[in-house]
């Protein structure tokens, strides 16, 4: 397994975990842990997109990271619950 596959599958798994935890209402989408997990997933998917020259996918995930960073700067750090 190469770095492209590792980053892609890891990022995809983290996206699914974050999605599941919000669907079952264990986490709120405004919680710090959800934002941290989503950003970690997006960062892995950015790396995967870069390695595979999938630039539209890279731009989408960078946008997700920027929106989350903007939200955190504007609202302050959310709770970790």
Protein backbone atom coordinates (compact mmCIF):
# COMPACT_ATOMS: atom_id res chain seq x y z
CA UNK A 1 0.00 0.00 0.00
CA UNK A 2 1.47 3.39 -0.98
CA UNK A 3 1.01 6.84 0.59
CA UNK A 4 -1.77 7.72 -1.81
CA UNK A 5 -3.87 4.79 -0.66
CA UNK A 6 -3.04 5.30 3.01
CA UNK A 7 -4.06 8.97 2.98
CA UNK A 8 -7.15 8.31 0.88
CA UNK A 9 -8.53 5.42 2.92
CA UNK A 10 -7.64 7.06 6.25
CA UNK A 11 -9.33 10.32 5.25
CA UNK A 12 -12.40 8.47 3.97
CA UNK A 13 -12.65 6.48 7.20
CA UNK A 14 -12.45 9.64 9.32
CA UNK A 15 -15.18 11.31 7.22
CA UNK A 16 -17.44 8.30 7.75
CA UNK A 17 -16.73 8.20 11.50
CA UNK A 18 -17.54 11.90 11.85
CA UNK A 19 -20.71 11.47 9.79
CA UNK A 20 -21.83 8.47 11.83
CA UNK A 21 -21.24 10.26 15.14
CA UNK A 22 -23.38 13.19 14.04
CA UNK A 23 -26.16 11.00 12.62
CA UNK A 24 -26.51 9.03 15.86
CA UNK A 25 -26.33 12.36 17.71
CA UNK A 26 -23.27 11.48 19.75
CA UNK A 27 -21.56 14.63 18.49
CA UNK A 28 -22.88 18.03 17.49
CA UNK A 29 -21.51 19.50 14.27
CA UNK A 30 -20.46 22.63 16.14
CA UNK A 31 -18.37 20.70 18.67
CA UNK A 32 -14.62 21.05 18.73
CA UNK A 33 -14.01 17.33 18.41
CA UNK A 34 -16.22 17.11 15.30
CA UNK A 35 -14.37 20.05 13.72
CA UNK A 36 -10.99 18.54 14.62
CA UNK A 37 -11.94 15.14 13.18
CA UNK A 38 -13.38 16.72 10.03
CA UNK A 39 -10.25 18.82 9.53
CA UNK A 40 -8.00 15.81 10.03
CA UNK A 41 -10.03 13.91 7.43
CA UNK A 42 -9.91 16.86 5.03
CA UNK A 43 -6.14 17.22 5.49
CA UNK A 44 -5.62 13.55 4.65
CA UNK A 45 -7.88 13.89 1.62
CA UNK A 46 -5.96 17.00 0.50
CA UNK A 47 -2.76 14.97 0.64
CA UNK A 48 -4.42 12.18 -1.32
CA UNK A 49 -5.73 14.61 -3.94
CA UNK A 50 -2.28 16.17 -4.30
CA UNK A 51 -0.63 12.79 -4.74
CA UNK A 52 -3.18 11.84 -7.41
CA UNK A 53 -3.33 15.25 -9.11
CA UNK A 54 -7.06 15.42 -8.35
CA UNK A 55 -7.13 19.18 -8.05
CA UNK A 56 -10.92 19.74 -7.90
CA UNK A 57 -11.08 17.35 -4.93
CA UNK A 58 -8.12 19.15 -3.37
CA UNK A 59 -9.88 22.51 -3.69
CA UNK A 60 -13.09 21.19 -2.10
CA UNK A 61 -11.22 19.83 0.91
CA UNK A 62 -9.12 22.98 1.30
CA UNK A 63 -12.37 24.97 1.27
CA UNK A 64 -13.73 22.77 4.07
CA UNK A 65 -10.61 23.42 6.14
CA UNK A 66 -10.79 27.17 5.50
CA UNK A 67 -14.50 27.38 6.39
CA UNK A 68 -13.87 25.54 9.65
CA UNK A 69 -10.87 27.75 10.46
CA UNK A 70 -12.93 30.87 9.72
CA UNK A 71 -15.75 29.59 11.94
CA UNK A 72 -13.36 28.86 14.78
CA UNK A 73 -11.75 32.30 14.51
CA UNK A 74 -15.10 34.04 14.37
CA UNK A 75 -16.86 32.13 17.14
CA UNK A 76 -13.86 31.17 19.24
CA UNK A 77 -12.94 27.65 20.19
CA UNK A 78 -16.04 25.51 20.70
CA UNK A 79 -16.49 23.07 23.52
CA UNK A 80 -15.01 19.60 23.13
CA UNK A 81 -18.30 17.95 24.05
